[in-house]
PDB file of all heavy atoms in Angstrom:
ATOM      1  N   PRO A   1      -3.733  -4.498  20.541  1.00  0.00           N
ATOM      2  CA  PRO A   1      -4.557  -5.647  20.158  1.00  0.00           C
ATOM      3  C   PRO A   1      -4.138  -6.956  20.847  1.00  0.00           C
ATOM      4  O   PRO A   1      -3.062  -7.039  21.445  1.00  0.00           O
ATOM      5  CB  PRO A   1      -4.293  -5.747  18.646  1.00  0.00           C
ATOM      6  CG  PRO A   1      -2.893  -5.219  18.484  1.00  0.00           C
ATOM      7  CD  PRO A   1      -2.784  -4.097  19.483  1.00  0.00           C
ATOM      8  N   ASP A   2      -5.012  -7.945  20.752  1.00  0.00           N
ATOM      9  CA  ASP A   2      -4.718  -9.269  21.275  1.00  0.00           C
ATOM     10  C   ASP A   2      -4.160 -10.170  20.185  1.00  0.00           C
ATOM     11  O   ASP A   2      -3.729 -11.305  20.490  1.00  0.00           O
ATOM     12  CB  ASP A   2      -5.995  -9.863  21.861  1.00  0.00           C
ATOM     13  CG  ASP A   2      -6.547  -9.042  23.002  1.00  0.00           C
ATOM     14  OD1 ASP A   2      -5.889  -8.979  24.070  1.00  0.00           O
ATOM     15  OD2 ASP A   2      -7.616  -8.419  22.824  1.00  0.00           O
ATOM     16  N   LEU A   3      -4.135  -9.682  18.977  1.00  0.00           N
ATOM     17  CA  LEU A   3      -3.541 -10.408  17.860  1.00  0.00           C
ATOM     18  C   LEU A   3      -3.298  -9.386  16.736  1.00  0.00           C
ATOM     19  O   LEU A   3      -4.160  -8.558  16.451  1.00  0.00           O
ATOM     20  CB  LEU A   3      -4.491 -11.490  17.350  1.00  0.00           C
ATOM     21  CG  LEU A   3      -4.054 -12.349  16.158  1.00  0.00           C
ATOM     22  CD1 LEU A   3      -2.759 -13.113  16.502  1.00  0.00           C
ATOM     23  CD2 LEU A   3      -5.143 -13.338  15.762  1.00  0.00           C
ATOM     24  N   LEU A   4      -2.096  -9.428  16.154  1.00  0.00           N
ATOM     25  CA  LEU A   4      -1.738  -8.454  15.144  1.00  0.00           C
ATOM     26  C   LEU A   4      -1.234  -9.159  13.889  1.00  0.00           C
ATOM     27  O   LEU A   4      -0.360 -10.009  13.969  1.00  0.00           O
ATOM     28  CB  LEU A   4      -0.638  -7.502  15.681  1.00  0.00           C
ATOM     29  CG  LEU A   4      -0.042  -6.503  14.682  1.00  0.00           C
ATOM     30  CD1 LEU A   4      -1.097  -5.543  14.159  1.00  0.00           C
ATOM     31  CD2 LEU A   4       1.115  -5.732  15.330  1.00  0.00           C
ATOM     32  N   TRP A   5      -1.804  -8.784  12.745  1.00  0.00           N
ATOM     33  CA  TRP A   5      -1.386  -9.331  11.446  1.00  0.00           C
ATOM     34  C   TRP A   5      -0.721  -8.219  10.636  1.00  0.00           C
ATOM     35  O   TRP A   5      -1.256  -7.119  10.536  1.00  0.00           O
ATOM     36  CB  TRP A   5      -2.566  -9.891  10.681  1.00  0.00           C
ATOM     37  CG  TRP A   5      -3.258 -11.039  11.351  1.00  0.00           C
ATOM     38  CD1 TRP A   5      -4.518 -11.054  11.866  1.00  0.00           C
ATOM     39  CD2 TRP A   5      -2.720 -12.354  11.530  1.00  0.00           C
ATOM     40  NE1 TRP A   5      -4.803 -12.280  12.404  1.00  0.00           N
ATOM     41  CE2 TRP A   5      -3.694 -13.108  12.195  1.00  0.00           C
ATOM     42  CE3 TRP A   5      -1.502 -12.964  11.202  1.00  0.00           C
ATOM     43  CZ2 TRP A   5      -3.524 -14.459  12.561  1.00  0.00           C
ATOM     44  CZ3 TRP A   5      -1.321 -14.295  11.562  1.00  0.00           C
ATOM     45  CH2 TRP A   5      -2.317 -15.015  12.206  1.00  0.00           C
ATOM     46  N   ILE A   6       0.432  -8.560  10.055  1.00  0.00           N
ATOM     47  CA  ILE A   6       1.134  -7.637   9.170  1.00  0.00           C
ATOM     48  C   ILE A   6       1.102  -8.219   7.756  1.00  0.00           C
ATOM     49  O   ILE A   6       1.623  -9.296   7.517  1.00  0.00           O
ATOM     50  CB  ILE A   6       2.606  -7.433   9.618  1.00  0.00           C
ATOM     51  CG1 ILE A   6       2.678  -7.070  11.099  1.00  0.00           C
ATOM     52  CG2 ILE A   6       3.285  -6.383   8.744  1.00  0.00           C
ATOM     53  CD1 ILE A   6       2.068  -5.727  11.447  1.00  0.00           C
ATOM     54  N   GLY A   7       0.502  -7.488   6.836  1.00  0.00           N
ATOM     55  CA  GLY A   7       0.379  -7.978   5.456  1.00  0.00           C
ATOM     56  C   GLY A   7       0.779  -6.922   4.451  1.00  0.00           C
ATOM     57  O   GLY A   7      -0.032  -6.113   4.018  1.00  0.00           O
ATOM     58  N   MET A   8       2.080  -6.925   4.077  1.00  0.00           N
ATOM     59  CA  MET A   8       2.565  -5.942   3.115  1.00  0.00           C
ATOM     60  C   MET A   8       3.409  -6.594   2.010  1.00  0.00           C
ATOM     61  O   MET A   8       4.115  -5.918   1.309  1.00  0.00           O
ATOM     62  CB  MET A   8       3.432  -4.901   3.851  1.00  0.00           C
ATOM     63  CG  MET A   8       2.701  -4.116   4.909  1.00  0.00           C
ATOM     64  SD  MET A   8       3.704  -2.783   5.617  1.00  0.00           S
ATOM     65  CE  MET A   8       4.858  -3.700   6.610  1.00  0.00           C
ATOM     66  N   THR A   9       3.317  -7.916   1.897  1.00  0.00           N
ATOM     67  CA  THR A   9       4.117  -8.737   1.008  1.00  0.00           C
ATOM     68  C   THR A   9       5.566  -8.804   1.484  1.00  0.00           C
ATOM     69  O   THR A   9       6.102  -7.849   2.067  1.00  0.00           O
ATOM     70  CB  THR A   9       4.116  -8.268  -0.467  1.00  0.00           C
ATOM     71  OG1 THR A   9       4.892  -7.070  -0.607  1.00  0.00           O
ATOM     72  CG2 THR A   9       2.720  -7.997  -0.972  1.00  0.00           C
ATOM     73  N   ALA A  10       6.163  -9.966   1.281  1.00  0.00           N
ATOM     74  CA  ALA A  10       7.567 -10.157   1.656  1.00  0.00           C
ATOM     75  C   ALA A  10       8.470  -9.503   0.602  1.00  0.00           C
ATOM     76  O   ALA A  10       8.142  -9.503  -0.588  1.00  0.00           O
ATOM     77  CB  ALA A  10       7.872 -11.643   1.764  1.00  0.00           C
ATOM     78  N   PRO A  11       9.617  -8.961   1.016  1.00  0.00           N
ATOM     79  CA  PRO A  11      10.170  -8.903   2.370  1.00  0.00           C
ATOM     80  C   PRO A  11       9.806  -7.663   3.146  1.00  0.00           C
ATOM     81  O   PRO A  11      10.282  -7.483   4.269  1.00  0.00           O
ATOM     82  CB  PRO A  11      11.680  -8.938   2.105  1.00  0.00           C
ATOM     83  CG  PRO A  11      11.824  -8.115   0.847  1.00  0.00           C
ATOM     84  CD  PRO A  11      10.608  -8.462   0.008  1.00  0.00           C
ATOM     85  N   LYS A  12       8.935  -6.813   2.572  1.00  0.00           N
ATOM     86  CA  LYS A  12       8.649  -5.544   3.216  1.00  0.00           C
ATOM     87  C   LYS A  12       8.027  -5.731   4.602  1.00  0.00           C
ATOM     88  O   LYS A  12       8.394  -5.044   5.560  1.00  0.00           O
ATOM     89  CB  LYS A  12       7.696  -4.720   2.312  1.00  0.00           C
ATOM     90  CG  LYS A  12       7.381  -3.335   2.876  1.00  0.00           C
ATOM     91  CD  LYS A  12       6.724  -2.466   1.821  1.00  0.00           C
ATOM     92  CE  LYS A  12       5.424  -3.060   1.310  1.00  0.00           C
ATOM     93  NZ  LYS A  12       4.734  -2.171   0.369  1.00  0.00           N
ATOM     94  N   GLN A  13       7.105  -6.683   4.738  1.00  0.00           N
ATOM     95  CA  GLN A  13       6.417  -6.861   6.020  1.00  0.00           C
ATOM     96  C   GLN A  13       7.354  -7.344   7.117  1.00  0.00           C
ATOM     97  O   GLN A  13       7.319  -6.841   8.255  1.00  0.00           O
ATOM     98  CB  GLN A  13       5.232  -7.830   5.843  1.00  0.00           C
ATOM     99  CG  GLN A  13       5.652  -9.207   5.358  1.00  0.00           C
ATOM    100  CD  GLN A  13       4.474 -10.011   4.836  1.00  0.00           C
ATOM    101  OE1 GLN A  13       3.379  -9.492   4.624  1.00  0.00           O
ATOM    102  NE2 GLN A  13       4.721 -11.293   4.630  1.00  0.00           N
ATOM    103  N   GLU A  14       8.223  -8.306   6.788  1.00  0.00           N
ATOM    104  CA  GLU A  14       9.152  -8.826   7.780  1.00  0.00           C
ATOM    105  C   GLU A  14      10.167  -7.749   8.198  1.00  0.00           C
ATOM    106  O   GLU A  14      10.507  -7.618   9.382  1.00  0.00           O
ATOM    107  CB  GLU A  14       9.885 -10.063   7.245  1.00  0.00           C
ATOM    108  CG  GLU A  14       9.023 -11.281   7.082  1.00  0.00           C
ATOM    109  CD  GLU A  14       8.273 -11.346   5.753  1.00  0.00           C
ATOM    110  OE1 GLU A  14       8.419 -10.378   4.942  1.00  0.00           O
ATOM    111  OE2 GLU A  14       7.535 -12.304   5.501  1.00  0.00           O
ATOM    112  N   LYS A  15      10.652  -7.009   7.245  1.00  0.00           N
ATOM    113  CA  LYS A  15      11.640  -5.965   7.539  1.00  0.00           C
ATOM    114  C   LYS A  15      10.999  -4.854   8.367  1.00  0.00           C
ATOM    115  O   LYS A  15      11.632  -4.304   9.297  1.00  0.00           O
ATOM    116  CB  LYS A  15      12.227  -5.420   6.234  1.00  0.00           C
ATOM    117  CG  LYS A  15      13.113  -6.402   5.533  1.00  0.00           C
ATOM    118  CD  LYS A  15      13.333  -6.077   4.063  1.00  0.00           C
ATOM    119  CE  LYS A  15      14.131  -4.849   3.824  1.00  0.00           C
ATOM    120  NZ  LYS A  15      14.478  -4.679   2.406  1.00  0.00           N
ATOM    121  N   TRP A  16       9.756  -4.504   8.072  1.00  0.00           N
ATOM    122  CA  TRP A  16       9.097  -3.445   8.818  1.00  0.00           C
ATOM    123  C   TRP A  16       8.915  -3.845  10.283  1.00  0.00           C
ATOM    124  O   TRP A  16       9.245  -3.076  11.203  1.00  0.00           O
ATOM    125  CB  TRP A  16       7.749  -3.087   8.222  1.00  0.00           C
ATOM    126  CG  TRP A  16       7.134  -1.888   8.879  1.00  0.00           C
ATOM    127  CD1 TRP A  16       7.314  -0.577   8.547  1.00  0.00           C
ATOM    128  CD2 TRP A  16       6.299  -1.895  10.055  1.00  0.00           C
ATOM    129  NE1 TRP A  16       6.648   0.240   9.433  1.00  0.00           N
ATOM    130  CE2 TRP A  16       6.021  -0.540  10.375  1.00  0.00           C
ATOM    131  CE3 TRP A  16       5.767  -2.902  10.853  1.00  0.00           C
ATOM    132  CZ2 TRP A  16       5.236  -0.191  11.462  1.00  0.00           C
ATOM    133  CZ3 TRP A  16       4.995  -2.548  11.958  1.00  0.00           C
ATOM    134  CH2 TRP A  16       4.726  -1.189  12.244  1.00  0.00           C
ATOM    135  N   ILE A  17       8.360  -5.023  10.515  1.00  0.00           N
ATOM    136  CA  ILE A  17       8.075  -5.426  11.902  1.00  0.00           C
ATOM    137  C   ILE A  17       9.376  -5.644  12.678  1.00  0.00           C
ATOM    138  O   ILE A  17       9.477  -5.307  13.863  1.00  0.00           O
ATOM    139  CB  ILE A  17       7.166  -6.673  11.946  1.00  0.00           C
ATOM    140  CG1 ILE A  17       6.633  -6.902  13.352  1.00  0.00           C
ATOM    141  CG2 ILE A  17       7.874  -7.895  11.419  1.00  0.00           C
ATOM    142  CD1 ILE A  17       5.695  -5.844  13.841  1.00  0.00           C
ATOM    143  N   TYR A  18      10.380  -6.155  12.013  1.00  0.00           N
ATOM    144  CA  TYR A  18      11.671  -6.379  12.674  1.00  0.00           C
ATOM    145  C   TYR A  18      12.303  -5.039  13.065  1.00  0.00           C
ATOM    146  O   TYR A  18      12.807  -4.880  14.182  1.00  0.00           O
ATOM    147  CB  TYR A  18      12.596  -7.151  11.751  1.00  0.00           C
ATOM    148  CG  TYR A  18      14.020  -7.323  12.272  1.00  0.00           C
ATOM    149  CD1 TYR A  18      14.277  -8.090  13.394  1.00  0.00           C
ATOM    150  CD2 TYR A  18      15.083  -6.721  11.612  1.00  0.00           C
ATOM    151  CE1 TYR A  18      15.576  -8.249  13.854  1.00  0.00           C
ATOM    152  CE2 TYR A  18      16.372  -6.856  12.083  1.00  0.00           C
ATOM    153  CZ  TYR A  18      16.633  -7.624  13.197  1.00  0.00           C
ATOM    154  OH  TYR A  18      17.915  -7.774  13.653  1.00  0.00           O
ATOM    155  N   SER A  19      12.262  -4.072  12.184  1.00  0.00           N
ATOM    156  CA  SER A  19      12.851  -2.759  12.446  1.00  0.00           C
ATOM    157  C   SER A  19      12.100  -1.978  13.508  1.00  0.00           C
ATOM    158  O   SER A  19      12.683  -1.092  14.180  1.00  0.00           O
ATOM    159  CB  SER A  19      12.914  -1.941  11.135  1.00  0.00           C
ATOM    160  OG  SER A  19      13.696  -2.585  10.166  1.00  0.00           O
ATOM    161  N   ASN A  20      10.830  -2.264  13.690  1.00  0.00           N
ATOM    162  CA  ASN A  20      10.002  -1.510  14.655  1.00  0.00           C
ATOM    163  C   ASN A  20       9.601  -2.323  15.878  1.00  0.00           C
ATOM    164  O   ASN A  20       8.837  -1.846  16.709  1.00  0.00           O
ATOM    165  CB  ASN A  20       8.742  -1.006  13.947  1.00  0.00           C
ATOM    166  CG  ASN A  20       9.042   0.055  12.915  1.00  0.00           C
ATOM    167  OD1 ASN A  20       9.244   1.228  13.232  1.00  0.00           O
ATOM    168  ND2 ASN A  20       9.080  -0.333  11.645  1.00  0.00           N
ATOM    169  N   TRP A  21      10.141  -3.530  16.003  1.00  0.00           N
ATOM    170  CA  TRP A  21       9.723  -4.439  17.057  1.00  0.00           C
ATOM    171  C   TRP A  21       9.888  -3.834  18.463  1.00  0.00           C
ATOM    172  O   TRP A  21       8.976  -3.950  19.301  1.00  0.00           O
ATOM    173  CB  TRP A  21      10.524  -5.727  16.956  1.00  0.00           C
ATOM    174  CG  TRP A  21      10.063  -6.836  17.852  1.00  0.00           C
ATOM    175  CD1 TRP A  21      10.753  -7.415  18.898  1.00  0.00           C
ATOM    176  CD2 TRP A  21       8.819  -7.552  17.765  1.00  0.00           C
ATOM    177  NE1 TRP A  21      10.016  -8.427  19.469  1.00  0.00           N
ATOM    178  CE2 TRP A  21       8.820  -8.535  18.790  1.00  0.00           C
ATOM    179  CE3 TRP A  21       7.707  -7.436  16.947  1.00  0.00           C
ATOM    180  CZ2 TRP A  21       7.762  -9.384  19.009  1.00  0.00           C
ATOM    181  CZ3 TRP A  21       6.631  -8.296  17.152  1.00  0.00           C
ATOM    182  CH2 TRP A  21       6.665  -9.254  18.170  1.00  0.00           C
ATOM    183  N   GLN A  22      11.004  -3.185  18.711  1.00  0.00           N
ATOM    184  CA  GLN A  22      11.251  -2.626  20.051  1.00  0.00           C
ATOM    185  C   GLN A  22      10.360  -1.424  20.356  1.00  0.00           C
ATOM    186  O   GLN A  22      10.200  -1.051  21.525  1.00  0.00           O
ATOM    187  CB  GLN A  22      12.730  -2.247  20.176  1.00  0.00           C
ATOM    188  CG  GLN A  22      13.699  -3.403  20.021  1.00  0.00           C
ATOM    189  CD  GLN A  22      13.429  -4.539  20.984  1.00  0.00           C
ATOM    190  OE1 GLN A  22      13.086  -4.303  22.146  1.00  0.00           O
ATOM    191  NE2 GLN A  22      13.578  -5.765  20.519  1.00  0.00           N
ATOM    192  N   LYS A  23       9.792  -0.825  19.325  1.00  0.00           N
ATOM    193  CA  LYS A  23       8.928   0.346  19.521  1.00  0.00           C
ATOM    194  C   LYS A  23       7.487  -0.067  19.830  1.00  0.00           C
ATOM    195  O   LYS A  23       6.693   0.787  20.245  1.00  0.00           O
ATOM    196  CB  LYS A  23       8.932   1.243  18.279  1.00  0.00           C
ATOM    197  CG  LYS A  23      10.325   1.742  17.873  1.00  0.00           C
ATOM    198  CD  LYS A  23      10.268   2.446  16.532  1.00  0.00           C
ATOM    199  CE  LYS A  23      11.639   2.794  16.004  1.00  0.00           C
ATOM    200  NZ  LYS A  23      11.608   3.350  14.651  1.00  0.00           N
ATOM    201  N   LEU A  24       7.170  -1.314  19.607  1.00  0.00           N
ATOM    202  CA  LEU A  24       5.785  -1.763  19.796  1.00  0.00           C
ATOM    203  C   LEU A  24       5.569  -2.247  21.219  1.00  0.00           C
ATOM    204  O   LEU A  24       6.141  -3.250  21.649  1.00  0.00           O
ATOM    205  CB  LEU A  24       5.476  -2.898  18.806  1.00  0.00           C
ATOM    206  CG  LEU A  24       5.468  -2.497  17.324  1.00  0.00           C
ATOM    207  CD1 LEU A  24       5.276  -3.719  16.435  1.00  0.00           C
ATOM    208  CD2 LEU A  24       4.358  -1.480  17.054  1.00  0.00           C
ATOM    209  N   ASN A  25       4.737  -1.530  21.944  1.00  0.00           N
ATOM    210  CA  ASN A  25       4.425  -1.889  23.345  1.00  0.00           C
ATOM    211  C   ASN A  25       3.139  -2.733  23.352  1.00  0.00           C
ATOM    212  O   ASN A  25       2.066  -2.254  23.744  1.00  0.00           O
ATOM    213  CB  ASN A  25       4.262  -0.641  24.193  1.00  0.00           C
ATOM    214  CG  ASN A  25       5.522   0.192  24.206  1.00  0.00           C
ATOM    215  OD1 ASN A  25       6.630  -0.344  24.337  1.00  0.00           O
ATOM    216  ND2 ASN A  25       5.388   1.509  24.052  1.00  0.00           N
ATOM    217  N   ILE A  26       3.270  -3.944  22.879  1.00  0.00           N
ATOM    218  CA  ILE A  26       2.091  -4.841  22.767  1.00  0.00           C
ATOM    219  C   ILE A  26       2.378  -6.143  23.493  1.00  0.00           C
ATOM    220  O   ILE A  26       3.514  -6.424  23.882  1.00  0.00           O
ATOM    221  CB  ILE A  26       1.758  -5.108  21.283  1.00  0.00           C
ATOM    222  CG1 ILE A  26       2.981  -5.615  20.513  1.00  0.00           C
ATOM    223  CG2 ILE A  26       1.209  -3.825  20.612  1.00  0.00           C
ATOM    224  CD1 ILE A  26       2.729  -5.980  19.065  1.00  0.00           C
ATOM    225  N   HIS A  27       1.355  -6.965  23.609  1.00  0.00           N
ATOM    226  CA  HIS A  27       1.473  -8.190  24.435  1.00  0.00           C
ATOM    227  C   HIS A  27       1.006  -9.414  23.653  1.00  0.00           C
ATOM    228  O   HIS A  27       0.705 -10.445  24.261  1.00  0.00           O
ATOM    229  CB  HIS A  27       0.581  -8.022  25.674  1.00  0.00           C
ATOM    230  CG  HIS A  27      -0.893  -7.913  25.326  1.00  0.00           C
ATOM    231  ND1 HIS A  27      -1.445  -6.731  24.873  1.00  0.00           N
ATOM    232  CD2 HIS A  27      -1.897  -8.827  25.355  1.00  0.00           C
ATOM    233  CE1 HIS A  27      -2.744  -6.943  24.655  1.00  0.00           C
ATOM    234  NE2 HIS A  27      -3.030  -8.184  24.931  1.00  0.00           N
ATOM    235  N   CYS A  28       0.972  -9.338  22.324  1.00  0.00           N
ATOM    236  CA  CYS A  28       0.286 -10.368  21.555  1.00  0.00           C
ATOM    237  C   CYS A  28       1.192 -11.038  20.510  1.00  0.00           C
ATOM    238  O   CYS A  28       2.297 -10.594  20.247  1.00  0.00           O
ATOM    239  CB  CYS A  28      -0.928  -9.765  20.842  1.00  0.00           C
ATOM    240  SG  CYS A  28      -0.499  -8.510  19.604  1.00  0.00           S
ATOM    241  N   HIS A  29       0.662 -12.105  19.939  1.00  0.00           N
ATOM    242  CA  HIS A  29       1.303 -12.749  18.793  1.00  0.00           C
ATOM    243  C   HIS A  29       1.183 -11.825  17.570  1.00  0.00           C
ATOM    244  O   HIS A  29       0.125 -11.203  17.347  1.00  0.00           O
ATOM    245  CB  HIS A  29       0.663 -14.077  18.468  1.00  0.00           C
ATOM    246  CG  HIS A  29       1.017 -15.158  19.434  1.00  0.00           C
ATOM    247  ND1 HIS A  29       0.653 -16.477  19.258  1.00  0.00           N
ATOM    248  CD2 HIS A  29       1.714 -15.089  20.613  1.00  0.00           C
ATOM    249  CE1 HIS A  29       1.108 -17.191  20.269  1.00  0.00           C
ATOM    250  NE2 HIS A  29       1.744 -16.400  21.092  1.00  0.00           N
ATOM    251  N   VAL A  30       2.256 -11.783  16.761  1.00  0.00           N
ATOM    252  CA  VAL A  30       2.262 -10.988  15.526  1.00  0.00           C
ATOM    253  C   VAL A  30       2.653 -11.924  14.391  1.00  0.00           C
ATOM    254  O   VAL A  30       3.703 -12.592  14.452  1.00  0.00           O
ATOM    255  CB  VAL A  30       3.268  -9.810  15.624  1.00  0.00           C
ATOM    256  CG1 VAL A  30       3.258  -9.009  14.320  1.00  0.00           C
ATOM    257  CG2 VAL A  30       2.955  -8.921  16.827  1.00  0.00           C
ATOM    258  N   GLY A  31       1.838 -11.963  13.359  1.00  0.00           N
ATOM    259  CA  GLY A  31       2.138 -12.835  12.217  1.00  0.00           C
ATOM    260  C   GLY A  31       2.321 -12.023  10.936  1.00  0.00           C
ATOM    261  O   GLY A  31       1.543 -11.086  10.681  1.00  0.00           O
ATOM    262  N   THR A  32       3.342 -12.362  10.151  1.00  0.00           N
ATOM    263  CA  THR A  32       3.530 -11.733   8.825  1.00  0.00           C
ATOM    264  C   THR A  32       2.964 -12.698   7.794  1.00  0.00           C
ATOM    265  O   THR A  32       3.535 -13.775   7.589  1.00  0.00           O
ATOM    266  CB  THR A  32       5.030 -11.468   8.586  1.00  0.00           C
ATOM    267  OG1 THR A  32       5.794 -12.670   8.741  1.00  0.00           O
ATOM    268  CG2 THR A  32       5.564 -10.449   9.561  1.00  0.00           C
ATOM    269  N   VAL A  33       1.896 -12.305   7.140  1.00  0.00           N
ATOM    270  CA  VAL A  33       1.130 -13.282   6.350  1.00  0.00           C
ATOM    271  C   VAL A  33       0.881 -12.925   4.883  1.00  0.00           C
ATOM    272  O   VAL A  33       0.217 -13.692   4.174  1.00  0.00           O
ATOM    273  CB  VAL A  33      -0.223 -13.582   7.053  1.00  0.00           C
ATOM    274  CG1 VAL A  33       0.019 -14.383   8.319  1.00  0.00           C
ATOM    275  CG2 VAL A  33      -0.989 -12.299   7.362  1.00  0.00           C
ATOM    276  N   GLY A  34       1.332 -11.761   4.434  1.00  0.00           N
ATOM    277  CA  GLY A  34       1.282 -11.455   3.007  1.00  0.00           C
ATOM    278  C   GLY A  34      -0.057 -11.652   2.342  1.00  0.00           C
ATOM    279  O   GLY A  34      -1.038 -10.964   2.659  1.00  0.00           O
ATOM    280  N   ALA A  35      -0.136 -12.644   1.448  1.00  0.00           N
ATOM    281  CA  ALA A  35      -1.311 -12.849   0.604  1.00  0.00           C
ATOM    282  C   ALA A  35      -2.547 -13.232   1.365  1.00  0.00           C
ATOM    283  O   ALA A  35      -3.649 -13.187   0.819  1.00  0.00           O
ATOM    284  CB  ALA A  35      -1.012 -13.902  -0.460  1.00  0.00           C
ATOM    285  N   VAL A  36      -2.405 -13.586   2.635  1.00  0.00           N
ATOM    286  CA  VAL A  36      -3.552 -13.988   3.438  1.00  0.00           C
ATOM    287  C   VAL A  36      -4.595 -12.867   3.518  1.00  0.00           C
ATOM    288  O   VAL A  36      -5.799 -13.130   3.522  1.00  0.00           O
ATOM    289  CB  VAL A  36      -3.119 -14.400   4.870  1.00  0.00           C
ATOM    290  CG1 VAL A  36      -4.297 -14.494   5.811  1.00  0.00           C
ATOM    291  CG2 VAL A  36      -2.387 -15.732   4.806  1.00  0.00           C
ATOM    292  N   PHE A  37      -4.133 -11.629   3.514  1.00  0.00           N
ATOM    293  CA  PHE A  37      -5.088 -10.498   3.528  1.00  0.00           C
ATOM    294  C   PHE A  37      -6.010 -10.585   2.328  1.00  0.00           C
ATOM    295  O   PHE A  37      -7.223 -10.346   2.422  1.00  0.00           O
ATOM    296  CB  PHE A  37      -4.328  -9.169   3.504  1.00  0.00           C
ATOM    297  CG  PHE A  37      -3.849  -8.701   4.845  1.00  0.00           C
ATOM    298  CD1 PHE A  37      -3.468  -9.614   5.824  1.00  0.00           C
ATOM    299  CD2 PHE A  37      -3.745  -7.351   5.125  1.00  0.00           C
ATOM    300  CE1 PHE A  37      -3.013  -9.196   7.057  1.00  0.00           C
ATOM    301  CE2 PHE A  37      -3.285  -6.897   6.369  1.00  0.00           C
ATOM    302  CZ  PHE A  37      -2.922  -7.821   7.329  1.00  0.00           C
ATOM    303  N   ASP A  38      -5.449 -10.892   1.164  1.00  0.00           N
ATOM    304  CA  ASP A  38      -6.254 -10.997  -0.065  1.00  0.00           C
ATOM    305  C   ASP A  38      -7.201 -12.170  -0.017  1.00  0.00           C
ATOM    306  O   ASP A  38      -8.343 -12.087  -0.461  1.00  0.00           O
ATOM    307  CB  ASP A  38      -5.334 -11.114  -1.283  1.00  0.00           C
ATOM    308  CG  ASP A  38      -4.501  -9.879  -1.510  1.00  0.00           C
ATOM    309  OD1 ASP A  38      -5.016  -8.770  -1.308  1.00  0.00           O
ATOM    310  OD2 ASP A  38      -3.346 -10.002  -1.922  1.00  0.00           O
ATOM    311  N   PHE A  39      -6.738 -13.298   0.542  1.00  0.00           N
ATOM    312  CA  PHE A  39      -7.614 -14.472   0.690  1.00  0.00           C
ATOM    313  C   PHE A  39      -8.781 -14.154   1.616  1.00  0.00           C
ATOM    314  O   PHE A  39      -9.929 -14.501   1.345  1.00  0.00           O
ATOM    315  CB  PHE A  39      -6.824 -15.671   1.253  1.00  0.00           C
ATOM    316  CG  PHE A  39      -5.707 -16.148   0.371  1.00  0.00           C
ATOM    317  CD1 PHE A  39      -4.566 -16.727   0.932  1.00  0.00           C
ATOM    318  CD2 PHE A  39      -5.765 -16.045  -1.002  1.00  0.00           C
ATOM    319  CE1 PHE A  39      -3.533 -17.193   0.141  1.00  0.00           C
ATOM    320  CE2 PHE A  39      -4.734 -16.497  -1.813  1.00  0.00           C
ATOM    321  CZ  PHE A  39      -3.616 -17.067  -1.236  1.00  0.00           C
ATOM    322  N   TYR A  40      -8.459 -13.498   2.730  1.00  0.00           N
ATOM    323  CA  TYR A  40      -9.477 -13.193   3.739  1.00  0.00           C
ATOM    324  C   TYR A  40     -10.490 -12.199   3.184  1.00  0.00           C
ATOM    325  O   TYR A  40     -11.704 -12.317   3.450  1.00  0.00           O
ATOM    326  CB  TYR A  40      -8.783 -12.619   4.996  1.00  0.00           C
ATOM    327  CG  TYR A  40      -9.709 -12.352   6.145  1.00  0.00           C
ATOM    328  CD1 TYR A  40     -10.407 -13.382   6.757  1.00  0.00           C
ATOM    329  CD2 TYR A  40      -9.881 -11.067   6.654  1.00  0.00           C
ATOM    330  CE1 TYR A  40     -11.261 -13.168   7.829  1.00  0.00           C
ATOM    331  CE2 TYR A  40     -10.721 -10.819   7.726  1.00  0.00           C
ATOM    332  CZ  TYR A  40     -11.401 -11.871   8.327  1.00  0.00           C
ATOM    333  OH  TYR A  40     -12.229 -11.629   9.377  1.00  0.00           O
ATOM    334  N   ALA A  41     -10.015 -11.217   2.439  1.00  0.00           N
ATOM    335  CA  ALA A  41     -10.915 -10.201   1.871  1.00  0.00           C
ATOM    336  C   ALA A  41     -11.695 -10.722   0.665  1.00  0.00           C
ATOM    337  O   ALA A  41     -12.669 -10.094   0.242  1.00  0.00           O
ATOM    338  CB  ALA A  41     -10.104  -8.967   1.455  1.00  0.00           C
TER     339      ALA A  41
END
């Protein structure tokens, strides 16, 4: 993707993306945004 959002509530989302960061072959900004998914939906 050209933009990636991770929304799993803190601290799960931050820990997940940090633990898997080196495995992700992407070129974009990644934001951990939690409740934003619920606001957007």
